[in-house]
Amino acid sequence: MFDFAAARDHMVESQVRTNDVTDPAIQKALRQIPRERFMPAEKSPMAYSDANVAIGDGRYMLRPRDFSKMLQAANIKPTDVVLDIACARGYSCAVLAQLAETVIGLESTQEAVDMATELLANNNIMNAVVVKGDLKGGASDHGPFDVIFVNGAVAELPKSWLDQLASGGRLVVVQPDGPVGQARIYTRVGDNRGARIAFDAQIPLLPGFEAKAEFVL
């Protein structure tokens, strides 16, 4: 029988710590939450691979290296309220719930919401809830948010996401830049907004977030 617990420890040691993710709270969360339980059964052997794994409907379990570095870049505090966009089957919500006070997962179909809700309950995650809505619109009814975490690359950042950041809030997202994507941190302090590049990353684009085609005469 495959030893998922050993694979989880190996993931942290070989894919997370070796990529400068030094935050002990993140390492602990990644050791606690079983990735394989949040994947389709036929994909569970790939849960700890060094790859983005397709899990259906255009959603991916993000590569552990990129996922953990995004978590660290977001600088999540125990009192934070987090919006988890395109949370898929709920794994990212479960990990974020170990780091923050409250997590709101956002998905675009009721089927996805129901699946993530069931899996979170089955894994005793009590401080995360998943809601249905337009991903580009965010979840303003539940905001403002201290952190917005995006599970997929986007070519253009919706203004609504920045508007839903609390003062002092951080938005972490990967955006394409030629052949290599860049994880960027957007911040809001009062009415002022800023951005910085955190690291290079290659994760799949979220469906519907591709670059708009340019009109050429």
N, C-alpha and C. Protein backbone atom coordinates (compact mmCIF):
# COMPACT_ATOMS: atom_id res chain seq x y z
N MET A 1 0.85 -1.20 0.00
CA MET A 1 0.00 0.00 0.00
C MET A 1 0.88 1.25 0.00
N PHE A 2 0.51 2.22 -0.79
CA PHE A 2 1.32 3.43 -0.92
C PHE A 2 1.32 4.21 0.39
N ASP A 3 2.47 4.67 0.83
CA ASP A 3 2.61 5.40 2.08
C ASP A 3 2.48 6.89 1.79
N PHE A 4 1.26 7.41 1.87
CA PHE A 4 1.05 8.82 1.58
C PHE A 4 1.70 9.73 2.61
N ALA A 5 1.72 9.29 3.87
CA ALA A 5 2.32 10.12 4.92
C ALA A 5 3.80 10.33 4.66
N ALA A 6 4.48 9.27 4.25
CA ALA A 6 5.90 9.39 3.93
C ALA A 6 6.11 10.28 2.72
N ALA A 7 5.23 10.15 1.73
CA ALA A 7 5.32 10.99 0.53
C ALA A 7 5.10 12.46 0.89
N ARG A 8 4.21 12.70 1.85
CA ARG A 8 3.94 14.08 2.27
C ARG A 8 5.18 14.69 2.94
N ASP A 9 5.81 13.92 3.80
CA ASP A 9 7.04 14.41 4.43
C ASP A 9 8.13 14.65 3.41
N HIS A 10 8.24 13.74 2.45
CA HIS A 10 9.26 13.90 1.41
C HIS A 10 8.98 15.14 0.57
N MET A 11 7.71 15.42 0.29
CA MET A 11 7.35 16.62 -0.45
C MET A 11 7.85 17.86 0.27
N VAL A 12 7.62 17.94 1.56
CA VAL A 12 8.04 19.11 2.32
C VAL A 12 9.56 19.23 2.33
N GLU A 13 10.24 18.12 2.52
CA GLU A 13 11.70 18.17 2.61
C GLU A 13 12.36 18.46 1.26
N SER A 14 11.82 17.89 0.18
CA SER A 14 12.52 17.96 -1.10
C SER A 14 11.97 19.03 -2.06
N GLN A 15 10.70 19.43 -1.89
CA GLN A 15 10.12 20.39 -2.82
C GLN A 15 9.80 21.73 -2.16
N VAL A 16 9.65 21.76 -0.87
CA VAL A 16 9.25 22.97 -0.16
C VAL A 16 10.44 23.63 0.53
N ARG A 17 11.04 22.93 1.45
CA ARG A 17 12.16 23.51 2.20
C ARG A 17 13.33 23.86 1.28
N THR A 18 13.58 23.05 0.28
CA THR A 18 14.72 23.30 -0.62
C THR A 18 14.47 24.48 -1.55
N ASN A 19 13.24 25.00 -1.58
CA ASN A 19 12.92 26.17 -2.39
C ASN A 19 12.66 27.40 -1.50
N ASP A 20 13.34 27.41 -0.37
CA ASP A 20 13.37 28.58 0.52
C ASP A 20 12.04 28.90 1.17
N VAL A 21 11.16 27.91 1.31
CA VAL A 21 9.95 28.12 2.09
C VAL A 21 10.29 27.73 3.53
N THR A 22 10.64 28.74 4.31
CA THR A 22 11.19 28.50 5.64
C THR A 22 10.17 28.69 6.76
N ASP A 23 8.98 29.18 6.43
CA ASP A 23 7.97 29.44 7.45
C ASP A 23 7.52 28.11 8.07
N PRO A 24 7.76 27.91 9.37
CA PRO A 24 7.40 26.63 9.99
C PRO A 24 5.89 26.37 9.99
N ALA A 25 5.08 27.44 10.02
CA ALA A 25 3.63 27.25 10.01
C ALA A 25 3.17 26.66 8.68
N ILE A 26 3.79 27.12 7.58
CA ILE A 26 3.45 26.57 6.26
C ILE A 26 3.90 25.12 6.16
N GLN A 27 5.10 24.84 6.59
CA GLN A 27 5.59 23.46 6.55
C GLN A 27 4.69 22.54 7.37
N LYS A 28 4.26 23.00 8.54
CA LYS A 28 3.38 22.20 9.38
C LYS A 28 2.04 21.95 8.70
N ALA A 29 1.48 23.00 8.09
CA ALA A 29 0.19 22.86 7.41
C ALA A 29 0.27 21.86 6.26
N LEU A 30 1.36 21.92 5.50
CA LEU A 30 1.52 21.01 4.37
C LEU A 30 1.71 19.57 4.84
N ARG A 31 2.29 19.39 6.00
CA ARG A 31 2.43 18.03 6.56
C ARG A 31 1.10 17.52 7.09
N GLN A 32 0.24 18.42 7.55
CA GLN A 32 -1.01 18.00 8.18
C GLN A 32 -2.10 17.63 7.18
N ILE A 33 -2.17 18.38 6.07
CA ILE A 33 -3.30 18.21 5.15
C ILE A 33 -2.96 17.19 4.07
N PRO A 34 -3.71 16.11 3.98
CA PRO A 34 -3.44 15.06 2.98
C PRO A 34 -3.92 15.44 1.59
N ARG A 35 -2.99 15.81 0.73
CA ARG A 35 -3.35 16.22 -0.63
C ARG A 35 -4.16 15.15 -1.36
N GLU A 36 -3.81 13.89 -1.13
CA GLU A 36 -4.44 12.82 -1.89
C GLU A 36 -5.95 12.74 -1.66
N ARG A 37 -6.43 13.18 -0.51
CA ARG A 37 -7.86 13.12 -0.21
C ARG A 37 -8.66 14.15 -1.00
N PHE A 38 -7.98 15.14 -1.54
CA PHE A 38 -8.65 16.21 -2.27
C PHE A 38 -8.50 16.05 -3.78
N MET A 39 -8.07 14.88 -4.21
CA MET A 39 -7.91 14.61 -5.63
C MET A 39 -8.85 13.49 -6.06
N PRO A 40 -9.21 13.44 -7.34
CA PRO A 40 -9.95 12.27 -7.82
C PRO A 40 -9.14 11.01 -7.51
N ALA A 41 -9.82 9.94 -7.18
CA ALA A 41 -9.14 8.72 -6.75
C ALA A 41 -8.08 8.26 -7.73
N GLU A 42 -8.38 8.37 -9.03
CA GLU A 42 -7.43 7.88 -10.02
C GLU A 42 -6.17 8.77 -10.11
N LYS A 43 -6.25 9.99 -9.57
CA LYS A 43 -5.10 10.89 -9.60
C LYS A 43 -4.31 10.89 -8.29
N SER A 44 -4.80 10.21 -7.27
CA SER A 44 -4.16 10.29 -5.95
C SER A 44 -2.69 9.85 -5.95
N PRO A 45 -2.26 8.88 -6.78
CA PRO A 45 -0.83 8.55 -6.79
C PRO A 45 0.06 9.71 -7.22
N MET A 46 -0.53 10.74 -7.86
CA MET A 46 0.25 11.88 -8.32
C MET A 46 0.20 13.05 -7.33
N ALA A 47 -0.39 12.83 -6.17
CA ALA A 47 -0.64 13.93 -5.23
C ALA A 47 0.64 14.66 -4.82
N TYR A 48 1.73 13.95 -4.72
CA TYR A 48 2.96 14.56 -4.22
C TYR A 48 4.04 14.68 -5.29
N SER A 49 3.62 14.62 -6.53
CA SER A 49 4.57 14.78 -7.63
C SER A 49 4.95 16.25 -7.79
N ASP A 50 6.09 16.48 -8.39
CA ASP A 50 6.58 17.83 -8.62
C ASP A 50 5.99 18.35 -9.92
N ALA A 51 4.66 18.54 -9.91
CA ALA A 51 3.95 18.90 -11.14
C ALA A 51 2.60 19.51 -10.79
N ASN A 52 2.04 20.28 -11.73
CA ASN A 52 0.65 20.71 -11.64
C ASN A 52 -0.21 19.56 -12.14
N VAL A 53 -1.15 19.11 -11.33
CA VAL A 53 -1.94 17.93 -11.68
C VAL A 53 -3.38 18.34 -11.98
N ALA A 54 -3.83 18.03 -13.20
CA ALA A 54 -5.20 18.35 -13.60
C ALA A 54 -6.19 17.52 -12.79
N ILE A 55 -7.19 18.20 -12.20
CA ILE A 55 -8.17 17.48 -11.39
C ILE A 55 -9.60 17.71 -11.89
N GLY A 56 -9.73 18.20 -13.12
CA GLY A 56 -11.04 18.33 -13.74
C GLY A 56 -11.55 19.75 -13.81
N ASP A 57 -12.35 20.02 -14.85
CA ASP A 57 -13.00 21.32 -15.04
C ASP A 57 -12.02 22.48 -15.11
N GLY A 58 -10.85 22.24 -15.69
CA GLY A 58 -9.88 23.29 -15.84
C GLY A 58 -9.15 23.68 -14.56
N ARG A 59 -9.29 22.87 -13.53
CA ARG A 59 -8.63 23.15 -12.26
C ARG A 59 -7.44 22.22 -12.08
N TYR A 60 -6.45 22.70 -11.31
CA TYR A 60 -5.22 21.95 -11.08
C TYR A 60 -4.86 21.97 -9.60
N MET A 61 -4.29 20.86 -9.15
CA MET A 61 -3.59 20.87 -7.87
C MET A 61 -2.22 21.45 -8.17
N LEU A 62 -1.93 22.61 -7.61
CA LEU A 62 -0.71 23.31 -7.98
C LEU A 62 0.54 22.58 -7.48
N ARG A 63 1.58 22.68 -8.28
CA ARG A 63 2.89 22.13 -7.94
C ARG A 63 3.28 22.57 -6.53
N PRO A 64 3.69 21.64 -5.65
CA PRO A 64 3.99 22.00 -4.26
C PRO A 64 4.97 23.15 -4.12
N ARG A 65 5.98 23.22 -4.96
CA ARG A 65 6.96 24.29 -4.87
C ARG A 65 6.30 25.65 -5.06
N ASP A 66 5.48 25.79 -6.11
CA ASP A 66 4.86 27.08 -6.39
C ASP A 66 3.77 27.40 -5.37
N PHE A 67 2.98 26.41 -5.01
CA PHE A 67 1.91 26.61 -4.03
C PHE A 67 2.48 27.12 -2.70
N SER A 68 3.53 26.46 -2.21
CA SER A 68 4.10 26.84 -0.92
C SER A 68 4.77 28.21 -0.97
N LYS A 69 5.41 28.53 -2.08
CA LYS A 69 6.05 29.85 -2.20
C LYS A 69 4.99 30.96 -2.29
N MET A 70 3.88 30.68 -2.92
CA MET A 70 2.79 31.65 -2.94
C MET A 70 2.24 31.87 -1.54
N LEU A 71 2.09 30.80 -0.78
CA LEU A 71 1.63 30.93 0.60
C LEU A 71 2.57 31.80 1.41
N GLN A 72 3.85 31.57 1.26
CA GLN A 72 4.83 32.34 2.04
C GLN A 72 4.83 33.81 1.61
N ALA A 73 4.71 34.05 0.30
CA ALA A 73 4.70 35.42 -0.19
C ALA A 73 3.48 36.20 0.31
N ALA A 74 2.39 35.50 0.57
CA ALA A 74 1.17 36.16 1.05
C ALA A 74 1.27 36.60 2.49
N ASN A 75 2.23 36.08 3.23
CA ASN A 75 2.46 36.50 4.62
C ASN A 75 1.18 36.42 5.44
N ILE A 76 0.58 35.24 5.45
CA ILE A 76 -0.72 35.04 6.10
C ILE A 76 -0.57 35.03 7.62
N LYS A 77 -1.45 35.78 8.30
CA LYS A 77 -1.43 35.88 9.76
C LYS A 77 -2.62 35.12 10.35
N PRO A 78 -2.50 34.67 11.60
CA PRO A 78 -3.59 33.89 12.22
C PRO A 78 -4.91 34.62 12.33
N THR A 79 -4.91 35.95 12.23
CA THR A 79 -6.14 36.73 12.33
C THR A 79 -6.73 37.09 10.96
N ASP A 80 -6.11 36.64 9.89
CA ASP A 80 -6.51 37.04 8.54
C ASP A 80 -7.79 36.35 8.07
N VAL A 81 -8.54 37.08 7.24
CA VAL A 81 -9.65 36.51 6.46
C VAL A 81 -9.16 36.39 5.02
N VAL A 82 -9.27 35.18 4.46
CA VAL A 82 -8.68 34.88 3.16
C VAL A 82 -9.76 34.50 2.16
N LEU A 83 -9.66 35.06 0.96
CA LEU A 83 -10.49 34.63 -0.17
C LEU A 83 -9.64 33.72 -1.04
N ASP A 84 -10.12 32.50 -1.26
CA ASP A 84 -9.39 31.48 -2.02
C ASP A 84 -10.13 31.28 -3.35
N ILE A 85 -9.62 31.92 -4.40
CA ILE A 85 -10.31 31.92 -5.70
C ILE A 85 -9.95 30.68 -6.52
N ALA A 86 -10.98 30.05 -7.10
CA ALA A 86 -10.82 28.80 -7.87
C ALA A 86 -10.24 27.71 -6.98
N CYS A 87 -10.91 27.48 -5.86
CA CYS A 87 -10.40 26.55 -4.85
C CYS A 87 -10.58 25.09 -5.24
N ALA A 88 -11.28 24.82 -6.34
CA ALA A 88 -11.44 23.45 -6.85
C ALA A 88 -12.04 22.54 -5.79
N ARG A 89 -11.36 21.45 -5.44
CA ARG A 89 -11.90 20.48 -4.50
C ARG A 89 -11.58 20.82 -3.04
N GLY A 90 -10.96 21.96 -2.80
CA GLY A 90 -10.83 22.45 -1.43
C GLY A 90 -9.50 22.27 -0.75
N TYR A 91 -8.49 21.71 -1.46
CA TYR A 91 -7.20 21.50 -0.80
C TYR A 91 -6.58 22.81 -0.35
N SER A 92 -6.58 23.80 -1.22
CA SER A 92 -5.98 25.08 -0.86
C SER A 92 -6.71 25.70 0.32
N CYS A 93 -8.04 25.57 0.36
CA CYS A 93 -8.80 26.06 1.51
C CYS A 93 -8.35 25.38 2.80
N ALA A 94 -8.14 24.08 2.72
CA ALA A 94 -7.75 23.32 3.91
C ALA A 94 -6.39 23.78 4.44
N VAL A 95 -5.45 24.01 3.54
CA VAL A 95 -4.13 24.47 3.97
C VAL A 95 -4.21 25.90 4.50
N LEU A 96 -4.89 26.77 3.77
CA LEU A 96 -5.04 28.15 4.21
C LEU A 96 -5.73 28.23 5.57
N ALA A 97 -6.64 27.31 5.83
CA ALA A 97 -7.36 27.30 7.10
C ALA A 97 -6.45 27.02 8.29
N GLN A 98 -5.31 26.38 8.04
CA GLN A 98 -4.34 26.15 9.11
C GLN A 98 -3.55 27.41 9.44
N LEU A 99 -3.57 28.37 8.52
CA LEU A 99 -2.75 29.58 8.66
C LEU A 99 -3.56 30.81 9.03
N ALA A 100 -4.83 30.85 8.68
CA ALA A 100 -5.67 32.04 8.82
C ALA A 100 -6.83 31.78 9.78
N GLU A 101 -7.54 32.85 10.10
CA GLU A 101 -8.70 32.72 10.98
C GLU A 101 -9.91 32.16 10.23
N THR A 102 -10.15 32.71 9.01
CA THR A 102 -11.31 32.31 8.23
C THR A 102 -10.93 32.27 6.76
N VAL A 103 -11.44 31.26 6.05
CA VAL A 103 -11.19 31.12 4.62
C VAL A 103 -12.52 31.03 3.89
N ILE A 104 -12.66 31.84 2.85
CA ILE A 104 -13.82 31.77 1.96
C ILE A 104 -13.33 31.23 0.62
N GLY A 105 -13.72 30.02 0.28
CA GLY A 105 -13.38 29.47 -1.02
C GLY A 105 -14.42 29.89 -2.05
N LEU A 106 -13.97 30.16 -3.26
CA LEU A 106 -14.88 30.60 -4.32
C LEU A 106 -14.75 29.67 -5.52
N GLU A 107 -15.89 29.14 -5.95
CA GLU A 107 -15.94 28.33 -7.16
C GLU A 107 -17.14 28.75 -8.01
N SER A 108 -17.09 28.35 -9.28
CA SER A 108 -18.06 28.87 -10.24
C SER A 108 -19.25 27.96 -10.49
N THR A 109 -19.25 26.74 -9.98
CA THR A 109 -20.38 25.84 -10.18
C THR A 109 -20.82 25.25 -8.84
N GLN A 110 -22.09 24.94 -8.74
CA GLN A 110 -22.60 24.35 -7.51
C GLN A 110 -21.99 22.97 -7.26
N GLU A 111 -21.73 22.25 -8.33
CA GLU A 111 -21.11 20.93 -8.20
C GLU A 111 -19.75 21.03 -7.52
N ALA A 112 -18.95 22.00 -7.94
CA ALA A 112 -17.64 22.19 -7.33
C ALA A 112 -17.77 22.62 -5.88
N VAL A 113 -18.72 23.52 -5.60
CA VAL A 113 -18.94 23.97 -4.23
C VAL A 113 -19.31 22.80 -3.33
N ASP A 114 -20.22 21.96 -3.81
CA ASP A 114 -20.67 20.82 -3.00
C ASP A 114 -19.53 19.84 -2.75
N MET A 115 -18.71 19.57 -3.78
CA MET A 115 -17.61 18.64 -3.62
C MET A 115 -16.60 19.17 -2.59
N ALA A 116 -16.21 20.43 -2.74
CA ALA A 116 -15.23 21.02 -1.82
C ALA A 116 -15.78 21.06 -0.40
N THR A 117 -17.05 21.42 -0.26
CA THR A 117 -17.67 21.48 1.07
C THR A 117 -17.64 20.12 1.75
N GLU A 118 -17.97 19.08 0.99
CA GLU A 118 -17.97 17.72 1.55
C GLU A 118 -16.57 17.30 1.96
N LEU A 119 -15.58 17.57 1.12
CA LEU A 119 -14.21 17.15 1.43
C LEU A 119 -13.65 17.92 2.62
N LEU A 120 -13.96 19.19 2.73
CA LEU A 120 -13.51 19.96 3.89
C LEU A 120 -14.13 19.42 5.17
N ALA A 121 -15.42 19.10 5.13
CA ALA A 121 -16.09 18.54 6.31
C ALA A 121 -15.49 17.18 6.68
N ASN A 122 -15.22 16.36 5.67
CA ASN A 122 -14.66 15.03 5.93
C ASN A 122 -13.27 15.10 6.55
N ASN A 123 -12.58 16.23 6.34
CA ASN A 123 -11.25 16.40 6.90
C ASN A 123 -11.23 17.37 8.08
N ASN A 124 -12.41 17.60 8.66
CA ASN A 124 -12.55 18.37 9.90
C ASN A 124 -12.01 19.80 9.79
N ILE A 125 -12.21 20.41 8.63
CA ILE A 125 -11.83 21.81 8.45
C ILE A 125 -13.07 22.66 8.77
N MET A 126 -13.03 23.32 9.92
CA MET A 126 -14.21 24.01 10.41
C MET A 126 -14.22 25.52 10.14
N ASN A 127 -13.09 26.09 9.76
CA ASN A 127 -13.02 27.55 9.59
C ASN A 127 -12.90 27.95 8.12
N ALA A 128 -13.42 27.09 7.24
CA ALA A 128 -13.44 27.40 5.81
C ALA A 128 -14.82 27.07 5.26
N VAL A 129 -15.30 27.93 4.37
CA VAL A 129 -16.58 27.71 3.70
C VAL A 129 -16.39 28.01 2.22
N VAL A 130 -17.12 27.29 1.37
CA VAL A 130 -17.01 27.48 -0.08
C VAL A 130 -18.32 28.03 -0.60
N VAL A 131 -18.22 29.08 -1.42
CA VAL A 131 -19.41 29.73 -1.98
C VAL A 131 -19.33 29.73 -3.50
N LYS A 132 -20.49 29.86 -4.12
CA LYS A 132 -20.57 29.89 -5.58
C LYS A 132 -20.63 31.33 -6.06
N GLY A 133 -19.89 31.61 -7.14
CA GLY A 133 -19.95 32.94 -7.72
C GLY A 133 -19.06 33.06 -8.93
N ASP A 134 -19.15 34.19 -9.59
CA ASP A 134 -18.29 34.49 -10.73
C ASP A 134 -16.88 34.75 -10.22
N LEU A 135 -15.92 34.01 -10.71
CA LEU A 135 -14.55 34.15 -10.19
C LEU A 135 -14.03 35.57 -10.38
N LYS A 136 -14.33 36.18 -11.53
CA LYS A 136 -13.83 37.53 -11.79
C LYS A 136 -14.47 38.56 -10.86
N GLY A 137 -15.65 38.25 -10.35
CA GLY A 137 -16.34 39.18 -9.47
C GLY A 137 -15.91 39.09 -8.03
N GLY A 138 -15.19 38.02 -7.67
CA GLY A 138 -14.78 37.86 -6.29
C GLY A 138 -15.95 37.50 -5.39
N ALA A 139 -15.87 37.90 -4.12
CA ALA A 139 -16.92 37.57 -3.15
C ALA A 139 -17.10 38.76 -2.21
N SER A 140 -17.57 39.86 -2.77
CA SER A 140 -17.64 41.11 -2.02
C SER A 140 -18.53 41.01 -0.79
N ASP A 141 -19.54 40.15 -0.81
CA ASP A 141 -20.43 40.01 0.34
C ASP A 141 -19.70 39.49 1.57
N HIS A 142 -18.57 38.86 1.37
CA HIS A 142 -17.83 38.27 2.49
C HIS A 142 -16.56 39.06 2.83
N GLY A 143 -16.26 40.10 2.06
CA GLY A 143 -15.04 40.86 2.26
C GLY A 143 -15.24 42.03 3.20
N PRO A 144 -14.24 42.90 3.34
CA PRO A 144 -12.96 42.86 2.62
C PRO A 144 -12.05 41.75 3.15
N PHE A 145 -11.01 41.43 2.36
CA PHE A 145 -10.13 40.32 2.68
C PHE A 145 -8.71 40.79 2.96
N ASP A 146 -8.11 40.16 3.93
CA ASP A 146 -6.70 40.45 4.23
C ASP A 146 -5.78 39.82 3.20
N VAL A 147 -6.20 38.68 2.67
CA VAL A 147 -5.43 37.97 1.65
C VAL A 147 -6.38 37.43 0.59
N ILE A 148 -6.01 37.57 -0.67
CA ILE A 148 -6.70 36.89 -1.77
C ILE A 148 -5.68 36.00 -2.45
N PHE A 149 -6.01 34.71 -2.55
CA PHE A 149 -5.11 33.70 -3.10
C PHE A 149 -5.77 33.13 -4.35
N VAL A 150 -5.03 33.11 -5.47
CA VAL A 150 -5.61 32.68 -6.75
C VAL A 150 -4.95 31.39 -7.22
N ASN A 151 -5.76 30.35 -7.41
CA ASN A 151 -5.27 29.02 -7.79
C ASN A 151 -5.21 28.85 -9.30
N GLY A 152 -4.41 29.64 -9.94
CA GLY A 152 -4.26 29.56 -11.39
C GLY A 152 -3.74 30.88 -11.90
N ALA A 153 -3.13 30.83 -13.06
CA ALA A 153 -2.58 32.05 -13.65
C ALA A 153 -3.69 32.86 -14.33
N VAL A 154 -3.52 34.18 -14.33
CA VAL A 154 -4.48 35.06 -15.01
C VAL A 154 -3.69 36.06 -15.85
N ALA A 155 -4.15 36.28 -17.07
CA ALA A 155 -3.45 37.23 -17.94
C ALA A 155 -3.76 38.66 -17.54
N GLU A 156 -5.00 38.90 -17.15
CA GLU A 156 -5.41 40.25 -16.74
C GLU A 156 -6.09 40.16 -15.38
N LEU A 157 -5.68 41.05 -14.48
CA LEU A 157 -6.17 41.02 -13.11
C LEU A 157 -7.49 41.79 -13.01
N PRO A 158 -8.57 41.17 -12.55
CA PRO A 158 -9.83 41.89 -12.39
C PRO A 158 -9.71 42.99 -11.32
N LYS A 159 -10.21 44.16 -11.63
CA LYS A 159 -10.18 45.27 -10.68
C LYS A 159 -10.97 44.93 -9.41
N SER A 160 -12.01 44.12 -9.56
CA SER A 160 -12.84 43.77 -8.40
C SER A 160 -12.04 43.08 -7.31
N TRP A 161 -11.02 42.31 -7.69
CA TRP A 161 -10.21 41.64 -6.67
C TRP A 161 -9.46 42.66 -5.82
N LEU A 162 -8.84 43.63 -6.47
CA LEU A 162 -8.10 44.66 -5.74
C LEU A 162 -9.06 45.47 -4.87
N ASP A 163 -10.25 45.73 -5.37
CA ASP A 163 -11.23 46.50 -4.61
C ASP A 163 -11.67 45.77 -3.34
N GLN A 164 -11.55 44.45 -3.33
CA GLN A 164 -12.00 43.67 -2.18
C GLN A 164 -10.90 43.42 -1.16
N LEU A 165 -9.70 43.95 -1.41
CA LEU A 165 -8.64 43.86 -0.41
C LEU A 165 -8.88 44.87 0.71
N ALA A 166 -8.67 44.43 1.94
CA ALA A 166 -8.68 45.35 3.07
C ALA A 166 -7.42 46.20 3.02
N SER A 167 -7.41 47.30 3.73
CA SER A 167 -6.19 48.08 3.84
C SER A 167 -5.12 47.22 4.50
N GLY A 168 -3.97 47.15 3.88
CA GLY A 168 -2.92 46.25 4.35
C GLY A 168 -3.02 44.85 3.76
N GLY A 169 -4.01 44.66 2.86
CA GLY A 169 -4.23 43.35 2.28
C GLY A 169 -3.25 43.01 1.18
N ARG A 170 -3.11 41.68 0.93
CA ARG A 170 -2.21 41.16 -0.10
C ARG A 170 -2.97 40.22 -1.02
N LEU A 171 -2.71 40.36 -2.32
CA LEU A 171 -3.26 39.46 -3.33
C LEU A 171 -2.09 38.75 -4.00
N VAL A 172 -2.09 37.43 -4.00
CA VAL A 172 -1.01 36.67 -4.63
C VAL A 172 -1.56 35.91 -5.83
N VAL A 173 -0.91 36.11 -6.98
CA VAL A 173 -1.41 35.53 -8.22
C VAL A 173 -0.23 35.37 -9.18
N VAL A 174 -0.32 34.38 -10.05
CA VAL A 174 0.69 34.19 -11.10
C VAL A 174 0.15 34.78 -12.39
N GLN A 175 1.01 35.54 -13.08
CA GLN A 175 0.64 36.13 -14.36
C GLN A 175 1.68 35.78 -15.41
N PRO A 176 1.25 35.46 -16.62
CA PRO A 176 2.20 35.10 -17.69
C PRO A 176 3.09 36.29 -18.04
N ASP A 177 4.34 35.98 -18.34
CA ASP A 177 5.28 36.98 -18.83
C ASP A 177 6.21 36.28 -19.81
N GLY A 178 5.72 36.16 -21.06
CA GLY A 178 6.48 35.37 -22.04
C GLY A 178 6.40 33.90 -21.68
N PRO A 179 7.48 33.15 -21.84
CA PRO A 179 7.46 31.72 -21.58
C PRO A 179 7.43 31.37 -20.09
N VAL A 180 7.76 32.33 -19.23
CA VAL A 180 7.80 32.07 -17.79
C VAL A 180 6.82 33.00 -17.08
N GLY A 181 6.00 32.43 -16.20
CA GLY A 181 5.08 33.25 -15.43
C GLY A 181 5.77 33.85 -14.22
N GLN A 182 5.12 34.84 -13.63
CA GLN A 182 5.66 35.50 -12.45
C GLN A 182 4.59 35.55 -11.36
N ALA A 183 4.95 35.10 -10.18
CA ALA A 183 4.08 35.26 -9.03
C ALA A 183 4.23 36.69 -8.53
N ARG A 184 3.11 37.39 -8.46
CA ARG A 184 3.14 38.80 -8.06
C ARG A 184 2.29 39.01 -6.81
N ILE A 185 2.75 39.93 -5.98
CA ILE A 185 2.02 40.31 -4.79
C ILE A 185 1.50 41.72 -4.98
N TYR A 186 0.17 41.86 -4.97
CA TYR A 186 -0.47 43.17 -5.03
C TYR A 186 -0.88 43.56 -3.61
N THR A 187 -0.64 44.79 -3.25
CA THR A 187 -0.96 45.25 -1.90
C THR A 187 -1.85 46.48 -1.96
N ARG A 188 -2.57 46.68 -0.89
CA ARG A 188 -3.42 47.87 -0.77
C ARG A 188 -3.22 48.49 0.60
N VAL A 189 -2.91 49.77 0.62
CA VAL A 189 -2.80 50.53 1.86
C VAL A 189 -3.65 51.78 1.67
N GLY A 190 -4.82 51.81 2.30
CA GLY A 190 -5.75 52.90 2.06
C GLY A 190 -6.19 52.88 0.61
N ASP A 191 -6.06 53.99 -0.07
CA ASP A 191 -6.42 54.06 -1.48
C ASP A 191 -5.24 53.78 -2.40
N ASN A 192 -4.09 53.50 -1.83
CA ASN A 192 -2.89 53.26 -2.63
C ASN A 192 -2.70 51.76 -2.88
N ARG A 193 -2.28 51.44 -4.11
CA ARG A 193 -2.03 50.05 -4.47
C ARG A 193 -0.62 49.92 -5.03
N GLY A 194 -0.01 48.78 -4.77
CA GLY A 194 1.33 48.52 -5.28
C GLY A 194 1.46 47.07 -5.69
N ALA A 195 2.55 46.73 -6.34
CA ALA A 195 2.77 45.36 -6.78
C ALA A 195 4.26 45.09 -6.85
N ARG A 196 4.62 43.84 -6.63
CA ARG A 196 6.02 43.43 -6.78
C ARG A 196 6.05 41.99 -7.28
N ILE A 197 7.13 41.66 -7.95
CA ILE A 197 7.33 40.27 -8.40
C ILE A 197 8.00 39.50 -7.28
N ALA A 198 7.43 38.34 -6.94
CA ALA A 198 7.96 37.53 -5.85
C ALA A 198 8.92 36.44 -6.35
N PHE A 199 8.52 35.75 -7.44
CA PHE A 199 9.36 34.68 -7.98
C PHE A 199 8.77 34.23 -9.31
N ASP A 200 9.55 33.49 -10.08
CA ASP A 200 9.06 32.91 -11.33
C ASP A 200 8.28 31.63 -11.05
N ALA A 201 7.22 31.43 -11.79
CA ALA A 201 6.40 30.24 -11.59
C ALA A 201 5.66 29.92 -12.88
N GLN A 202 5.43 28.66 -13.12
CA GLN A 202 4.67 28.23 -14.29
C GLN A 202 3.50 27.37 -13.84
N ILE A 203 2.32 27.99 -13.84
CA ILE A 203 1.11 27.25 -13.51
C ILE A 203 0.08 27.54 -14.61
N PRO A 204 -0.88 26.64 -14.80
CA PRO A 204 -1.83 26.79 -15.90
C PRO A 204 -2.74 28.00 -15.72
N LEU A 205 -3.15 28.56 -16.85
CA LEU A 205 -4.13 29.64 -16.83
C LEU A 205 -5.50 29.13 -16.38
N LEU A 206 -6.18 29.95 -15.61
CA LEU A 206 -7.57 29.64 -15.30
C LEU A 206 -8.42 29.84 -16.54
N PRO A 207 -9.34 28.94 -16.82
CA PRO A 207 -10.24 29.13 -17.96
C PRO A 207 -11.01 30.45 -17.83
N GLY A 208 -11.04 31.21 -18.91
CA GLY A 208 -11.71 32.49 -18.89
C GLY A 208 -10.82 33.66 -18.52
N PHE A 209 -9.57 33.37 -18.19
CA PHE A 209 -8.64 34.41 -17.79
C PHE A 209 -7.48 34.54 -18.77
N GLU A 210 -7.69 34.07 -20.00
CA GLU A 210 -6.68 34.21 -21.03
C GLU A 210 -6.59 35.67 -21.47
N ALA A 211 -5.47 36.01 -22.10
CA ALA A 211 -5.30 37.36 -22.63
C ALA A 211 -6.31 37.61 -23.74
N LYS A 212 -6.83 38.82 -23.79
CA LYS A 212 -7.77 39.17 -24.86
C LYS A 212 -7.04 39.26 -26.18
N ALA A 213 -7.66 38.76 -27.22
CA ALA A 213 -7.06 38.83 -28.55
C ALA A 213 -6.96 40.28 -28.99
N GLU A 214 -5.81 40.64 -29.52
CA GLU A 214 -5.60 42.02 -30.00
C GLU A 214 -6.14 42.16 -31.42
N PHE A 215 -6.78 43.28 -31.67
CA PHE A 215 -7.32 43.55 -33.02
C PHE A 215 -6.21 44.11 -33.90
N VAL A 216 -5.97 43.46 -35.02
CA VAL A 216 -4.91 43.89 -35.93
C VAL A 216 -5.53 44.22 -37.27
N LEU A 217 -5.20 45.40 -37.80
CA LEU A 217 -5.71 45.80 -39.12
C LEU A 217 -5.02 45.03 -40.23
